[in-house]
């Protein structure tokens, strides 16, 4: 029974850290997709990339690219968290 109680604090810390990182990454995605694609589109449209307005680019493709990068970042972060909270000695 003592093994069960000793495993709860690391599990709680692991999930707390996981939820914090998910919140951070989702906030970044929200700011990029909603902010750059909708809220700040007028300011971003003054900048052009490859002939396209930057606001249009974020609305059409940029948020998708950022999402893929955030998935890769989440994988790396989770590998570090898994290693940190691993029960292997």
PDB file of N, CA and C in Angstrom:
ATOM      1  N   UNK A   1       0.818  -1.188   0.000  1.00  0.00           N
ATOM      2  CA  UNK A   1       0.000   0.000   0.000  1.00  0.00           C
ATOM      3  C   UNK A   1       0.862   1.252   0.000  1.00  0.00           C
ATOM      4  N   UNK A   2       2.041   1.192   0.608  1.00  0.00           N
ATOM      5  CA  UNK A   2       2.908   2.376   0.629  1.00  0.00           C
ATOM      6  C   UNK A   2       3.446   2.697  -0.760  1.00  0.00           C
ATOM      7  N   UNK A   3       3.607   1.662  -1.620  1.00  0.00           N
ATOM      8  CA  UNK A   3       4.047   1.901  -2.994  1.00  0.00           C
ATOM      9  C   UNK A   3       3.014   2.712  -3.768  1.00  0.00           C
ATOM     10  N   UNK A   4       1.734   2.438  -3.486  1.00  0.00           N
ATOM     11  CA  UNK A   4       0.676   3.153  -4.164  1.00  0.00           C
ATOM     12  C   UNK A   4       0.686   4.632  -3.790  1.00  0.00           C
ATOM     13  N   UNK A   5       0.853   4.938  -2.528  1.00  0.00           N
ATOM     14  CA  UNK A   5       0.876   6.322  -2.062  1.00  0.00           C
ATOM     15  C   UNK A   5       2.113   7.058  -2.537  1.00  0.00           C
ATOM     16  N   UNK A   6       3.233   6.368  -2.635  1.00  0.00           N
ATOM     17  CA  UNK A   6       4.458   7.041  -3.065  1.00  0.00           C
ATOM     18  C   UNK A   6       4.441   7.362  -4.560  1.00  0.00           C
ATOM     19  N   UNK A   7       3.599   6.650  -5.338  1.00  0.00           N
ATOM     20  CA  UNK A   7       3.547   6.912  -6.769  1.00  0.00           C
ATOM     21  C   UNK A   7       2.588   8.048  -7.128  1.00  0.00           C
ATOM     22  N   UNK A   8       1.712   8.440  -6.219  1.00  0.00           N
ATOM     23  CA  UNK A   8       0.741   9.483  -6.531  1.00  0.00           C
ATOM     24  C   UNK A   8       1.359  10.865  -6.707  1.00  0.00           C
ATOM     25  N   UNK A   9       2.256  11.325  -5.832  1.00  0.00           N
ATOM     26  CA  UNK A   9       2.809  12.673  -6.049  1.00  0.00           C
ATOM     27  C   UNK A   9       3.536  12.835  -7.384  1.00  0.00           C
ATOM     28  N   UNK A  10       4.395  11.885  -7.812  1.00  0.00           N
ATOM     29  CA  UNK A  10       5.005  12.059  -9.139  1.00  0.00           C
ATOM     30  C   UNK A  10       3.980  12.036 -10.265  1.00  0.00           C
ATOM     31  N   UNK A  11       2.941  11.205 -10.140  1.00  0.00           N
ATOM     32  CA  UNK A  11       1.909  11.159 -11.175  1.00  0.00           C
ATOM     33  C   UNK A  11       1.163  12.485 -11.230  1.00  0.00           C
ATOM     34  N   UNK A  12       0.850  13.055 -10.073  1.00  0.00           N
ATOM     35  CA  UNK A  12       0.170  14.353 -10.045  1.00  0.00           C
ATOM     36  C   UNK A  12       1.064  15.447 -10.623  1.00  0.00           C
ATOM     37  N   UNK A  13       2.338  15.417 -10.283  1.00  0.00           N
ATOM     38  CA  UNK A  13       3.275  16.419 -10.812  1.00  0.00           C
ATOM     39  C   UNK A  13       3.435  16.266 -12.316  1.00  0.00           C
ATOM     40  N   UNK A  14       3.467  15.025 -12.780  1.00  0.00           N
ATOM     41  CA  UNK A  14       3.580  14.757 -14.219  1.00  0.00           C
ATOM     42  C   UNK A  14       2.381  15.337 -14.966  1.00  0.00           C
ATOM     43  N   UNK A  15       1.171  15.069 -14.486  1.00  0.00           N
ATOM     44  CA  UNK A  15      -0.021  15.549 -15.178  1.00  0.00           C
ATOM     45  C   UNK A  15      -0.176  17.054 -15.050  1.00  0.00           C
ATOM     46  N   UNK A  16       0.246  17.611 -13.930  1.00  0.00           N
ATOM     47  CA  UNK A  16       0.211  19.066 -13.772  1.00  0.00           C
ATOM     48  C   UNK A  16       1.142  19.716 -14.804  1.00  0.00           C
ATOM     49  N   UNK A  17       2.352  19.183 -14.930  1.00  0.00           N
ATOM     50  CA  UNK A  17       3.304  19.712 -15.911  1.00  0.00           C
ATOM     51  C   UNK A  17       2.776  19.526 -17.332  1.00  0.00           C
ATOM     52  N   UNK A  18       2.175  18.370 -17.596  1.00  0.00           N
ATOM     53  CA  UNK A  18       1.602  18.096 -18.913  1.00  0.00           C
ATOM     54  C   UNK A  18       0.508  19.111 -19.242  1.00  0.00           C
ATOM     55  N   UNK A  19      -0.403  19.356 -18.313  1.00  0.00           N
ATOM     56  CA  UNK A  19      -1.491  20.305 -18.558  1.00  0.00           C
ATOM     57  C   UNK A  19      -0.985  21.734 -18.725  1.00  0.00           C
ATOM     58  N   UNK A  20       0.048  22.086 -17.990  1.00  0.00           N
ATOM     59  CA  UNK A  20       0.638  23.423 -18.144  1.00  0.00           C
ATOM     60  C   UNK A  20       1.188  23.586 -19.556  1.00  0.00           C
ATOM     61  N   UNK A  21       1.931  22.580 -20.033  1.00  0.00           N
ATOM     62  CA  UNK A  21       2.503  22.662 -21.378  1.00  0.00           C
ATOM     63  C   UNK A  21       1.420  22.651 -22.455  1.00  0.00           C
ATOM     64  N   UNK A  22       0.385  21.853 -22.268  1.00  0.00           N
ATOM     65  CA  UNK A  22      -0.713  21.842 -23.235  1.00  0.00           C
ATOM     66  C   UNK A  22      -1.368  23.221 -23.281  1.00  0.00           C
ATOM     67  N   UNK A  23      -1.574  23.825 -22.109  1.00  0.00           N
ATOM     68  CA  UNK A  23      -2.156  25.168 -22.058  1.00  0.00           C
ATOM     69  C   UNK A  23      -1.295  26.202 -22.757  1.00  0.00           C
ATOM     70  N   UNK A  24       0.011  26.132 -22.545  1.00  0.00           N
ATOM     71  CA  UNK A  24       0.932  27.071 -23.191  1.00  0.00           C
ATOM     72  C   UNK A  24       0.901  26.898 -24.710  1.00  0.00           C
ATOM     73  N   UNK A  25       0.996  25.668 -25.172  1.00  0.00           N
ATOM     74  CA  UNK A  25       1.025  25.406 -26.609  1.00  0.00           C
ATOM     75  C   UNK A  25      -0.311  25.763 -27.275  1.00  0.00           C
ATOM     76  N   UNK A  26      -1.412  25.480 -26.613  1.00  0.00           N
ATOM     77  CA  UNK A  26      -2.716  25.842 -27.173  1.00  0.00           C
ATOM     78  C   UNK A  26      -2.915  27.357 -27.206  1.00  0.00           C
ATOM     79  N   UNK A  27      -2.368  28.054 -26.223  1.00  0.00           N
ATOM     80  CA  UNK A  27      -2.437  29.514 -26.222  1.00  0.00           C
ATOM     81  C   UNK A  27      -1.661  30.086 -27.398  1.00  0.00           C
ATOM     82  N   UNK A  28      -0.479  29.537 -27.650  1.00  0.00           N
ATOM     83  CA  UNK A  28       0.314  29.982 -28.798  1.00  0.00           C
ATOM     84  C   UNK A  28      -0.463  29.745 -30.092  1.00  0.00           C
ATOM     85  N   UNK A  29      -1.059  28.569 -30.226  1.00  0.00           N
ATOM     86  CA  UNK A  29      -1.815  28.257 -31.436  1.00  0.00           C
ATOM     87  C   UNK A  29      -3.011  29.192 -31.584  1.00  0.00           C
ATOM     88  N   UNK A  30      -3.701  29.481 -30.490  1.00  0.00           N
ATOM     89  CA  UNK A  30      -4.850  30.391 -30.539  1.00  0.00           C
ATOM     90  C   UNK A  30      -4.420  31.790 -30.978  1.00  0.00           C
ATOM     91  N   UNK A  31      -3.330  32.283 -30.398  1.00  0.00           N
ATOM     92  CA  UNK A  31      -2.857  33.624 -30.750  1.00  0.00           C
ATOM     93  C   UNK A  31      -2.478  33.686 -32.229  1.00  0.00           C
ATOM     94  N   UNK A  32      -1.797  32.648 -32.708  1.00  0.00           N
ATOM     95  CA  UNK A  32      -1.382  32.640 -34.114  1.00  0.00           C
ATOM     96  C   UNK A  32      -2.585  32.493 -35.045  1.00  0.00           C
ATOM     97  N   UNK A  33      -3.453  31.524 -34.773  1.00  0.00           N
ATOM     98  CA  UNK A  33      -4.554  31.271 -35.709  1.00  0.00           C
ATOM     99  C   UNK A  33      -5.642  32.333 -35.624  1.00  0.00           C
ATOM    100  N   UNK A  34      -6.063  32.688 -34.433  1.00  0.00           N
ATOM    101  CA  UNK A  34      -7.134  33.670 -34.289  1.00  0.00           C
ATOM    102  C   UNK A  34      -6.590  35.093 -34.358  1.00  0.00           C
ATOM    103  N   UNK A  35      -5.501  35.329 -33.647  1.00  0.00           N
ATOM    104  CA  UNK A  35      -4.939  36.677 -33.600  1.00  0.00           C
ATOM    105  C   UNK A  35      -4.370  37.120 -34.935  1.00  0.00           C
ATOM    106  N   UNK A  36      -3.457  36.313 -35.482  1.00  0.00           N
ATOM    107  CA  UNK A  36      -2.808  36.705 -36.741  1.00  0.00           C
ATOM    108  C   UNK A  36      -3.726  36.543 -37.940  1.00  0.00           C
ATOM    109  N   UNK A  37      -4.645  35.603 -37.890  1.00  0.00           N
ATOM    110  CA  UNK A  37      -5.530  35.367 -39.024  1.00  0.00           C
ATOM    111  C   UNK A  37      -6.772  36.237 -39.036  1.00  0.00           C
ATOM    112  N   UNK A  38      -7.162  36.785 -37.868  1.00  0.00           N
ATOM    113  CA  UNK A  38      -8.398  37.559 -37.800  1.00  0.00           C
ATOM    114  C   UNK A  38      -8.182  38.935 -37.161  1.00  0.00           C
ATOM    115  N   UNK A  39      -7.656  38.959 -35.938  1.00  0.00           N
ATOM    116  CA  UNK A  39      -7.579  40.219 -35.193  1.00  0.00           C
ATOM    117  C   UNK A  39      -6.550  41.200 -35.750  1.00  0.00           C
ATOM    118  N   UNK A  40      -5.370  40.710 -36.077  1.00  0.00           N
ATOM    119  CA  UNK A  40      -4.280  41.580 -36.512  1.00  0.00           C
ATOM    120  C   UNK A  40      -4.079  41.555 -38.023  1.00  0.00           C
ATOM    121  N   UNK A  41      -5.094  41.103 -38.757  1.00  0.00           N
ATOM    122  CA  UNK A  41      -4.942  40.903 -40.191  1.00  0.00           C
ATOM    123  C   UNK A  41      -4.648  42.206 -40.930  1.00  0.00           C
ATOM    124  N   UNK A  42      -5.245  43.297 -40.535  1.00  0.00           N
ATOM    125  CA  UNK A  42      -5.021  44.574 -41.228  1.00  0.00           C
ATOM    126  C   UNK A  42      -3.569  45.027 -41.108  1.00  0.00           C
ATOM    127  N   UNK A  43      -3.005  44.910 -39.922  1.00  0.00           N
ATOM    128  CA  UNK A  43      -1.611  45.304 -39.726  1.00  0.00           C
ATOM    129  C   UNK A  43      -0.667  44.354 -40.465  1.00  0.00           C
ATOM    130  N   UNK A  44      -0.980  43.048 -40.415  1.00  0.00           N
ATOM    131  CA  UNK A  44      -0.123  42.063 -41.076  1.00  0.00           C
ATOM    132  C   UNK A  44      -0.218  42.132 -42.590  1.00  0.00           C
ATOM    133  N   UNK A  45      -1.344  42.580 -43.119  1.00  0.00           N
ATOM    134  CA  UNK A  45      -1.508  42.668 -44.577  1.00  0.00           C
ATOM    135  C   UNK A  45      -0.616  43.732 -45.197  1.00  0.00           C
ATOM    136  N   UNK A  46      -0.048  44.607 -44.397  1.00  0.00           N
ATOM    137  CA  UNK A  46       0.887  45.610 -44.911  1.00  0.00           C
ATOM    138  C   UNK A  46       2.223  44.975 -45.293  1.00  0.00           C
ATOM    139  N   UNK A  47       2.473  43.771 -44.801  1.00  0.00           N
ATOM    140  CA  UNK A  47       3.705  43.028 -45.095  1.00  0.00           C
ATOM    141  C   UNK A  47       3.364  41.952 -46.121  1.00  0.00           C
ATOM    142  N   UNK A  48       4.236  41.794 -47.108  1.00  0.00           N
ATOM    143  CA  UNK A  48       4.003  40.786 -48.146  1.00  0.00           C
ATOM    144  C   UNK A  48       5.112  39.738 -48.129  1.00  0.00           C
ATOM    145  N   UNK A  49       4.699  38.492 -48.330  1.00  0.00           N
ATOM    146  CA  UNK A  49       5.644  37.373 -48.447  1.00  0.00           C
ATOM    147  C   UNK A  49       5.300  36.643 -49.746  1.00  0.00           C
ATOM    148  N   UNK A  50       6.234  36.608 -50.661  1.00  0.00           N
ATOM    149  CA  UNK A  50       6.015  35.928 -51.935  1.00  0.00           C
ATOM    150  C   UNK A  50       4.829  36.470 -52.710  1.00  0.00           C
ATOM    151  N   UNK A  51       4.556  37.754 -52.566  1.00  0.00           N
ATOM    152  CA  UNK A  51       3.444  38.370 -53.284  1.00  0.00           C
ATOM    153  C   UNK A  51       2.111  38.297 -52.556  1.00  0.00           C
ATOM    154  N   UNK A  52       2.070  37.570 -51.442  1.00  0.00           N
ATOM    155  CA  UNK A  52       0.834  37.440 -50.682  1.00  0.00           C
ATOM    156  C   UNK A  52       0.903  38.272 -49.416  1.00  0.00           C
ATOM    157  N   UNK A  53      -0.222  38.809 -49.015  1.00  0.00           N
ATOM    158  CA  UNK A  53      -0.285  39.567 -47.774  1.00  0.00           C
ATOM    159  C   UNK A  53      -0.096  38.621 -46.602  1.00  0.00           C
ATOM    160  N   UNK A  54       0.660  39.063 -45.600  1.00  0.00           N
ATOM    161  CA  UNK A  54       1.010  38.202 -44.468  1.00  0.00           C
ATOM    162  C   UNK A  54      -0.231  37.773 -43.683  1.00  0.00           C
ATOM    163  N   UNK A  55      -1.208  38.655 -43.513  1.00  0.00           N
ATOM    164  CA  UNK A  55      -2.441  38.286 -42.821  1.00  0.00           C
ATOM    165  C   UNK A  55      -3.177  37.169 -43.534  1.00  0.00           C
ATOM    166  N   UNK A  56      -3.250  37.262 -44.855  1.00  0.00           N
ATOM    167  CA  UNK A  56      -3.865  36.211 -45.659  1.00  0.00           C
ATOM    168  C   UNK A  56      -3.092  34.908 -45.511  1.00  0.00           C
ATOM    169  N   UNK A  57      -1.767  34.999 -45.545  1.00  0.00           N
ATOM    170  CA  UNK A  57      -0.933  33.804 -45.423  1.00  0.00           C
ATOM    171  C   UNK A  57      -1.179  33.108 -44.092  1.00  0.00           C
ATOM    172  N   UNK A  58      -1.221  33.878 -42.981  1.00  0.00           N
ATOM    173  CA  UNK A  58      -1.485  33.268 -41.674  1.00  0.00           C
ATOM    174  C   UNK A  58      -2.864  32.629 -41.638  1.00  0.00           C
ATOM    175  N   UNK A  59      -3.849  33.279 -42.219  1.00  0.00           N
ATOM    176  CA  UNK A  59      -5.207  32.738 -42.202  1.00  0.00           C
ATOM    177  C   UNK A  59      -5.301  31.457 -43.018  1.00  0.00           C
ATOM    178  N   UNK A  60      -4.546  31.368 -44.111  1.00  0.00           N
ATOM    179  CA  UNK A  60      -4.658  30.215 -44.998  1.00  0.00           C
ATOM    180  C   UNK A  60      -3.681  29.088 -44.666  1.00  0.00           C
ATOM    181  N   UNK A  61      -2.430  29.436 -44.353  1.00  0.00           N
ATOM    182  CA  UNK A  61      -1.414  28.399 -44.190  1.00  0.00           C
ATOM    183  C   UNK A  61      -0.606  28.525 -42.908  1.00  0.00           C
ATOM    184  N   UNK A  62      -0.357  29.720 -42.483  1.00  0.00           N
ATOM    185  CA  UNK A  62       0.548  29.937 -41.355  1.00  0.00           C
ATOM    186  C   UNK A  62       0.124  29.246 -40.086  1.00  0.00           C
ATOM    187  N   UNK A  63      -1.163  29.291 -39.776  1.00  0.00           N
ATOM    188  CA  UNK A  63      -1.618  28.658 -38.541  1.00  0.00           C
ATOM    189  C   UNK A  63      -1.471  27.140 -38.613  1.00  0.00           C
ATOM    190  N   UNK A  64      -1.600  26.573 -39.806  1.00  0.00           N
ATOM    191  CA  UNK A  64      -1.411  25.126 -39.961  1.00  0.00           C
ATOM    192  C   UNK A  64       0.056  24.764 -39.740  1.00  0.00           C
ATOM    193  N   UNK A  65       0.966  25.545 -40.318  1.00  0.00           N
ATOM    194  CA  UNK A  65       2.396  25.288 -40.107  1.00  0.00           C
ATOM    195  C   UNK A  65       2.776  25.429 -38.644  1.00  0.00           C
ATOM    196  N   UNK A  66       2.247  26.453 -38.002  1.00  0.00           N
ATOM    197  CA  UNK A  66       2.537  26.647 -36.581  1.00  0.00           C
ATOM    198  C   UNK A  66       1.999  25.475 -35.777  1.00  0.00           C
ATOM    199  N   UNK A  67       0.814  24.971 -36.124  1.00  0.00           N
ATOM    200  CA  UNK A  67       0.245  23.827 -35.425  1.00  0.00           C
ATOM    201  C   UNK A  67       1.138  22.597 -35.560  1.00  0.00           C
ATOM    202  N   UNK A  68       1.669  22.340 -36.742  1.00  0.00           N
ATOM    203  CA  UNK A  68       2.560  21.199 -36.946  1.00  0.00           C
ATOM    204  C   UNK A  68       3.840  21.365 -36.117  1.00  0.00           C
ATOM    205  N   UNK A  69       4.384  22.578 -36.068  1.00  0.00           N
ATOM    206  CA  UNK A  69       5.578  22.839 -35.250  1.00  0.00           C
ATOM    207  C   UNK A  69       5.256  22.637 -33.768  1.00  0.00           C
ATOM    208  N   UNK A  70       4.074  23.059 -33.344  1.00  0.00           N
ATOM    209  CA  UNK A  70       3.678  22.876 -31.950  1.00  0.00           C
ATOM    210  C   UNK A  70       3.506  21.399 -31.604  1.00  0.00           C
ATOM    211  N   UNK A  71       3.046  20.595 -32.545  1.00  0.00           N
ATOM    212  CA  UNK A  71       2.954  19.146 -32.312  1.00  0.00           C
ATOM    213  C   UNK A  71       4.347  18.568 -32.095  1.00  0.00           C
ATOM    214  N   UNK A  72       5.301  18.976 -32.938  1.00  0.00           N
ATOM    215  CA  UNK A  72       6.681  18.502 -32.773  1.00  0.00           C
ATOM    216  C   UNK A  72       7.249  18.967 -31.437  1.00  0.00           C
ATOM    217  N   UNK A  73       6.973  20.199 -31.053  1.00  0.00           N
ATOM    218  CA  UNK A  73       7.439  20.709 -29.758  1.00  0.00           C
ATOM    219  C   UNK A  73       6.816  19.909 -28.624  1.00  0.00           C
ATOM    220  N   UNK A  74       5.532  19.571 -28.740  1.00  0.00           N
ATOM    221  CA  UNK A  74       4.862  18.784 -27.699  1.00  0.00           C
ATOM    222  C   UNK A  74       5.504  17.403 -27.562  1.00  0.00           C
ATOM    223  N   UNK A  75       5.855  16.789 -28.681  1.00  0.00           N
ATOM    224  CA  UNK A  75       6.518  15.480 -28.640  1.00  0.00           C
ATOM    225  C   UNK A  75       7.836  15.581 -27.880  1.00  0.00           C
ATOM    226  N   UNK A  76       8.636  16.599 -28.195  1.00  0.00           N
ATOM    227  CA  UNK A  76       9.918  16.767 -27.505  1.00  0.00           C
ATOM    228  C   UNK A  76       9.727  17.061 -26.022  1.00  0.00           C
ATOM    229  N   UNK A  77       8.777  17.911 -25.711  1.00  0.00           N
ATOM    230  CA  UNK A  77       8.508  18.247 -24.305  1.00  0.00           C
ATOM    231  C   UNK A  77       8.047  17.009 -23.546  1.00  0.00           C
ATOM    232  N   UNK A  78       7.164  16.214 -24.149  1.00  0.00           N
ATOM    233  CA  UNK A  78       6.670  15.015 -23.476  1.00  0.00           C
ATOM    234  C   UNK A  78       7.765  13.978 -23.285  1.00  0.00           C
ATOM    235  N   UNK A  79       8.695  13.884 -24.229  1.00  0.00           N
ATOM    236  CA  UNK A  79       9.822  12.968 -24.038  1.00  0.00           C
ATOM    237  C   UNK A  79      10.632  13.374 -22.816  1.00  0.00           C
ATOM    238  N   UNK A  80      10.862  14.684 -22.661  1.00  0.00           N
ATOM    239  CA  UNK A  80      11.602  15.166 -21.499  1.00  0.00           C
ATOM    240  C   UNK A  80      10.823  14.932 -20.213  1.00  0.00           C
ATOM    241  N   UNK A  81       9.514  15.175 -20.234  1.00  0.00           N
ATOM    242  CA  UNK A  81       8.701  14.941 -19.044  1.00  0.00           C
ATOM    243  C   UNK A  81       8.644  13.450 -18.707  1.00  0.00           C
ATOM    244  N   UNK A  82       8.497  12.614 -19.712  1.00  0.00           N
ATOM    245  CA  UNK A  82       8.482  11.170 -19.478  1.00  0.00           C
ATOM    246  C   UNK A  82       9.794  10.709 -18.852  1.00  0.00           C
ATOM    247  N   UNK A  83      10.894  11.234 -19.355  1.00  0.00           N
ATOM    248  CA  UNK A  83      12.196  10.873 -18.801  1.00  0.00           C
ATOM    249  C   UNK A  83      12.337  11.389 -17.364  1.00  0.00           C
ATOM    250  N   UNK A  84      11.874  12.602 -17.126  1.00  0.00           N
ATOM    251  CA  UNK A  84      11.992  13.206 -15.801  1.00  0.00           C
ATOM    252  C   UNK A  84      11.162  12.449 -14.767  1.00  0.00           C
ATOM    253  N   UNK A  85       9.958  12.027 -15.129  1.00  0.00           N
ATOM    254  CA  UNK A  85       9.072  11.373 -14.182  1.00  0.00           C
ATOM    255  C   UNK A  85       9.036   9.860 -14.346  1.00  0.00           C
ATOM    256  N   UNK A  86       9.993   9.321 -15.086  1.00  0.00           N
ATOM    257  CA  UNK A  86      10.060   7.884 -15.292  1.00  0.00           C
ATOM    258  C   UNK A  86      10.391   7.177 -13.973  1.00  0.00           C
ATOM    259  N   UNK A  87       9.832   5.998 -13.801  1.00  0.00           N
ATOM    260  CA  UNK A  87      10.091   5.216 -12.579  1.00  0.00           C
ATOM    261  C   UNK A  87      11.366   4.394 -12.688  1.00  0.00           C
ATOM    262  N   UNK A  88      12.001   4.412 -13.863  1.00  0.00           N
ATOM    263  CA  UNK A  88      13.254   3.687 -14.040  1.00  0.00           C
ATOM    264  C   UNK A  88      14.357   4.399 -13.284  1.00  0.00           C
ATOM    265  N   UNK A  89      15.158   3.646 -12.600  1.00  0.00           N
ATOM    266  CA  UNK A  89      16.280   4.224 -11.843  1.00  0.00           C
ATOM    267  C   UNK A  89      17.596   3.961 -12.516  1.00  0.00           C
TER     268      UNK A  89
END
